[in-house]
């Protein structure tokens, strides 16, 4: 399973809508996800900065 984001947009009620393509067992379909930005985590155990 893979997800590839194609865009993000503000929602009027707060939060965001993330558009993208979800591939499962070789079949790809466009999907829309409800997401919220909660901040930045300084560093994970691998040294990467993450948005949550």
N, C-alpha and C. Protein backbone atom coordinates (compact mmCIF):
# COMPACT_ATOMS: atom_id res chain seq x y z
N UNK A 1 0.85 -1.16 0.00
CA UNK A 1 0.00 0.00 0.00
C UNK A 1 0.90 1.23 0.00
N UNK A 2 0.58 2.19 -0.86
CA UNK A 2 1.29 3.46 -0.88
C UNK A 2 0.28 4.60 -1.02
N UNK A 3 0.65 5.75 -0.47
CA UNK A 3 -0.14 6.96 -0.61
C UNK A 3 0.77 8.05 -1.12
N UNK A 4 0.32 8.78 -2.14
CA UNK A 4 1.07 9.89 -2.70
C UNK A 4 0.18 11.13 -2.70
N UNK A 5 0.58 12.15 -1.94
CA UNK A 5 -0.21 13.37 -1.85
C UNK A 5 -0.14 14.17 -3.14
N UNK A 6 -1.29 14.72 -3.56
CA UNK A 6 -1.34 15.57 -4.75
C UNK A 6 -1.71 17.00 -4.40
N UNK A 7 -2.11 17.25 -3.15
CA UNK A 7 -2.46 18.61 -2.76
C UNK A 7 -3.07 18.66 -1.38
N UNK A 8 -3.12 19.88 -0.83
CA UNK A 8 -3.74 20.10 0.47
C UNK A 8 -4.46 21.44 0.43
N UNK A 9 -5.60 21.53 1.11
CA UNK A 9 -6.38 22.77 1.11
C UNK A 9 -7.05 22.97 2.47
N UNK A 10 -7.29 24.24 2.81
CA UNK A 10 -7.97 24.59 4.06
C UNK A 10 -9.42 24.18 4.02
N UNK A 11 -9.95 23.78 5.17
CA UNK A 11 -11.38 23.54 5.34
C UNK A 11 -11.95 24.72 6.10
N UNK A 12 -13.19 25.08 5.80
CA UNK A 12 -13.83 26.20 6.50
C UNK A 12 -13.99 25.91 7.99
N UNK A 13 -14.25 24.67 8.36
CA UNK A 13 -14.49 24.30 9.76
C UNK A 13 -13.19 24.08 10.53
N UNK A 14 -12.04 24.38 9.95
CA UNK A 14 -10.75 24.14 10.58
C UNK A 14 -10.15 22.85 10.05
N UNK A 15 -8.88 22.71 10.19
CA UNK A 15 -8.19 21.54 9.66
C UNK A 15 -7.96 21.69 8.17
N UNK A 16 -7.64 20.58 7.53
CA UNK A 16 -7.30 20.58 6.11
C UNK A 16 -7.87 19.35 5.42
N UNK A 17 -7.95 19.42 4.11
CA UNK A 17 -8.27 18.27 3.27
C UNK A 17 -7.01 17.94 2.48
N UNK A 18 -6.57 16.69 2.52
CA UNK A 18 -5.42 16.27 1.74
C UNK A 18 -5.89 15.34 0.63
N UNK A 19 -5.57 15.71 -0.60
CA UNK A 19 -5.91 14.89 -1.75
C UNK A 19 -4.70 14.04 -2.11
N UNK A 20 -4.96 12.85 -2.65
CA UNK A 20 -3.85 12.01 -3.05
C UNK A 20 -4.32 10.75 -3.73
N UNK A 21 -3.36 9.93 -4.07
CA UNK A 21 -3.62 8.65 -4.73
C UNK A 21 -3.21 7.52 -3.81
N UNK A 22 -4.13 6.60 -3.55
CA UNK A 22 -3.88 5.43 -2.73
C UNK A 22 -3.77 4.22 -3.65
N UNK A 23 -2.66 3.50 -3.54
CA UNK A 23 -2.46 2.30 -4.34
C UNK A 23 -2.46 1.09 -3.41
N UNK A 24 -3.30 0.12 -3.72
CA UNK A 24 -3.42 -1.10 -2.94
C UNK A 24 -3.54 -2.27 -3.90
N UNK A 25 -2.65 -3.23 -3.80
CA UNK A 25 -2.64 -4.41 -4.67
C UNK A 25 -2.62 -4.03 -6.15
N UNK A 26 -1.85 -2.97 -6.47
CA UNK A 26 -1.70 -2.56 -7.86
C UNK A 26 -2.82 -1.70 -8.43
N UNK A 27 -3.82 -1.39 -7.62
CA UNK A 27 -4.95 -0.56 -8.06
C UNK A 27 -4.84 0.80 -7.38
N UNK A 28 -4.84 1.86 -8.18
CA UNK A 28 -4.71 3.23 -7.66
C UNK A 28 -6.04 3.96 -7.79
N UNK A 29 -6.44 4.59 -6.70
CA UNK A 29 -7.67 5.39 -6.67
C UNK A 29 -7.39 6.72 -5.99
N UNK A 30 -8.04 7.81 -6.46
CA UNK A 30 -7.89 9.09 -5.76
C UNK A 30 -8.71 9.07 -4.47
N UNK A 31 -8.15 9.64 -3.40
CA UNK A 31 -8.88 9.74 -2.13
C UNK A 31 -8.69 11.14 -1.55
N UNK A 32 -9.52 11.46 -0.56
CA UNK A 32 -9.47 12.73 0.15
C UNK A 32 -9.46 12.41 1.64
N UNK A 33 -8.50 12.97 2.37
CA UNK A 33 -8.37 12.72 3.80
C UNK A 33 -8.59 14.00 4.59
N UNK A 34 -9.25 13.89 5.75
CA UNK A 34 -9.36 15.00 6.70
C UNK A 34 -8.12 14.95 7.58
N UNK A 35 -7.38 16.06 7.67
CA UNK A 35 -6.17 16.10 8.49
C UNK A 35 -6.14 17.36 9.34
N UNK A 36 -5.39 17.30 10.45
CA UNK A 36 -5.17 18.45 11.32
C UNK A 36 -3.68 18.58 11.55
N UNK A 37 -3.20 19.81 11.60
CA UNK A 37 -1.81 20.09 11.92
C UNK A 37 -1.72 20.38 13.40
N UNK A 38 -0.93 19.60 14.12
CA UNK A 38 -0.82 19.77 15.57
C UNK A 38 0.54 20.30 16.00
N UNK A 39 1.45 20.46 15.06
CA UNK A 39 2.74 21.02 15.41
C UNK A 39 3.89 20.20 14.85
N UNK A 40 5.09 20.55 15.29
CA UNK A 40 6.32 19.91 14.84
C UNK A 40 6.96 19.18 16.03
N UNK A 41 7.40 17.96 15.79
CA UNK A 41 8.17 17.21 16.78
C UNK A 41 9.65 17.46 16.45
N UNK A 42 10.45 17.92 17.42
CA UNK A 42 11.82 18.32 17.11
C UNK A 42 12.62 17.26 16.35
N UNK A 43 12.82 16.11 16.87
CA UNK A 43 13.57 15.06 16.20
C UNK A 43 13.06 13.69 16.66
N UNK A 44 12.92 12.76 15.70
CA UNK A 44 12.59 11.40 16.07
C UNK A 44 13.90 10.65 16.36
N UNK A 45 13.84 9.37 16.75
CA UNK A 45 15.09 8.64 17.07
C UNK A 45 16.08 8.55 15.90
N UNK A 46 15.60 8.80 14.68
CA UNK A 46 16.47 8.72 13.50
C UNK A 46 17.01 10.10 13.09
N UNK A 47 16.67 11.15 13.86
CA UNK A 47 17.14 12.49 13.57
C UNK A 47 16.28 13.28 12.60
N UNK A 48 15.09 12.77 12.27
CA UNK A 48 14.21 13.45 11.32
C UNK A 48 13.21 14.34 12.04
N UNK A 49 12.91 15.51 11.47
CA UNK A 49 11.87 16.39 11.99
C UNK A 49 10.54 15.92 11.45
N UNK A 50 9.50 15.86 12.29
CA UNK A 50 8.19 15.35 11.89
C UNK A 50 7.10 16.37 12.17
N UNK A 51 6.12 16.46 11.29
CA UNK A 51 4.91 17.23 11.53
C UNK A 51 3.85 16.25 12.04
N UNK A 52 3.10 16.67 13.06
CA UNK A 52 2.07 15.79 13.63
C UNK A 52 0.71 16.46 13.55
